[in-house]
C-alpha atoms as a PDB file:
ATOM      1  CA  MET A   1      93.547 139.734  54.719  1.00  0.00           C
ATOM      2  CA  LEU A   2      93.004 136.098  55.663  1.00  0.00           C
ATOM      3  CA  TYR A   3      91.104 133.629  53.531  1.00  0.00           C
ATOM      4  CA  THR A   4      90.434 130.116  54.804  1.00  0.00           C
ATOM      5  CA  GLY A   5      89.092 127.220  52.893  1.00  0.00           C
ATOM      6  CA  VAL A   6      88.732 123.458  52.865  1.00  0.00           C
ATOM      7  CA  THR A   7      89.604 121.157  50.002  1.00  0.00           C
ATOM      8  CA  ASN A   8      90.444 117.521  49.390  1.00  0.00           C
ATOM      9  CA  ASN A   9      92.519 118.403  46.339  1.00  0.00           C
ATOM     10  CA  LEU A  10      94.945 121.336  47.004  1.00  0.00           C
ATOM     11  CA  SER A  11      96.441 121.339  43.527  1.00  0.00           C
ATOM     12  CA  ARG A  12      92.998 121.698  41.892  1.00  0.00           C
ATOM     13  CA  ARG A  13      91.969 124.373  44.406  1.00  0.00           C
ATOM     14  CA  VAL A  14      95.060 126.521  43.888  1.00  0.00           C
ATOM     15  CA  THR A  15      94.900 126.147  40.103  1.00  0.00           C
ATOM     16  CA  GLY A  16      91.186 127.048  40.089  1.00  0.00           C
ATOM     17  CA  LEU A  17      91.771 130.151  42.164  1.00  0.00           C
ATOM     18  CA  LYS A  18      94.651 131.333  39.981  1.00  0.00           C
ATOM     19  CA  LYS A  19      92.753 130.774  36.714  1.00  0.00           C
ATOM     20  CA  ASP A  20      89.444 132.111  38.033  1.00  0.00           C
ATOM     21  CA  ALA A  21      87.909 128.847  36.689  1.00  0.00           C
ATOM     22  CA  ASN A  22      85.356 128.943  39.465  1.00  0.00           C
ATOM     23  CA  PRO A  23      85.158 132.594  40.461  1.00  0.00           C
ATOM     24  CA  ASN A  24      84.647 133.200  44.154  1.00  0.00           C
ATOM     25  CA  PRO A  25      83.444 136.728  45.112  1.00  0.00           C
ATOM     26  CA  PHE A  26      85.914 137.006  47.976  1.00  0.00           C
ATOM     27  CA  THR A  27      88.958 135.764  46.097  1.00  0.00           C
ATOM     28  CA  SER A  28      88.119 137.806  43.043  1.00  0.00           C
ATOM     29  CA  LYS A  29      87.540 141.005  44.937  1.00  0.00           C
ATOM     30  CA  TYR A  30      90.665 140.782  47.009  1.00  0.00           C
ATOM     31  CA  LYS A  31      92.858 139.099  44.377  1.00  0.00           C
ATOM     32  CA  VAL A  32      93.801 136.117  46.547  1.00  0.00           C
ATOM     33  CA  ASN A  33      96.466 134.300  44.615  1.00  0.00           C
ATOM     34  CA  ILE A  34      99.255 133.185  46.989  1.00  0.00           C
ATOM     35  CA  LEU A  35      99.102 130.153  49.297  1.00  0.00           C
ATOM     36  CA  VAL A  36     100.862 131.176  52.472  1.00  0.00           C
ATOM     37  CA  TYR A  37     100.107 128.399  54.864  1.00  0.00           C
ATOM     38  CA  LEU A  38      98.342 125.011  54.941  1.00  0.00           C
ATOM     39  CA  GLU A  39      97.425 122.348  57.459  1.00  0.00           C
ATOM     40  CA  GLU A  40      96.532 118.749  56.814  1.00  0.00           C
ATOM     41  CA  PHE A  41      94.030 116.735  58.837  1.00  0.00           C
ATOM     42  CA  ASN A  42      92.812 113.151  58.846  1.00  0.00           C
ATOM     43  CA  SER A  43      89.122 113.885  59.404  1.00  0.00           C
ATOM     44  CA  ILE A  44      86.612 116.529  58.309  1.00  0.00           C
ATOM     45  CA  THR A  45      85.663 116.956  61.976  1.00  0.00           C
ATOM     46  CA  GLU A  46      89.194 118.150  62.795  1.00  0.00           C
ATOM     47  CA  VAL A  47      89.133 120.447  59.755  1.00  0.00           C
ATOM     48  CA  ILE A  48      85.853 122.052  60.762  1.00  0.00           C
ATOM     49  CA  LYS A  49      87.096 122.524  64.353  1.00  0.00           C
ATOM     50  CA  ARG A  50      90.330 124.164  63.201  1.00  0.00           C
ATOM     51  CA  GLU A  51      88.597 126.454  60.666  1.00  0.00           C
ATOM     52  CA  LYS A  52      86.272 127.723  63.401  1.00  0.00           C
ATOM     53  CA  GLN A  53      89.293 128.402  65.609  1.00  0.00           C
ATOM     54  CA  ILE A  54      90.920 130.434  62.857  1.00  0.00           C
ATOM     55  CA  LYS A  55      87.787 132.410  62.016  1.00  0.00           C
ATOM     56  CA  ALA A  56      87.165 133.171  65.690  1.00  0.00           C
ATOM     57  CA  GLY A  57      90.543 134.857  65.995  1.00  0.00           C
ATOM     58  CA  SER A  58      91.062 138.619  66.042  1.00  0.00           C
ATOM     59  CA  ARG A  59      90.862 140.450  62.742  1.00  0.00           C
END
């Protein structure tokens, strides 16, 4: 299972997912709780482009 997301504050994002502070239907259903990989970008345009590449990959 692959979950992709965008954030400008990784620490808050990971803490929020672990505590279910802001429940997300996908992360709750599949019990997403381990950060496996991250990439950093300088612009939101680059982020959106990369996320589209990831989501277009084979499942």
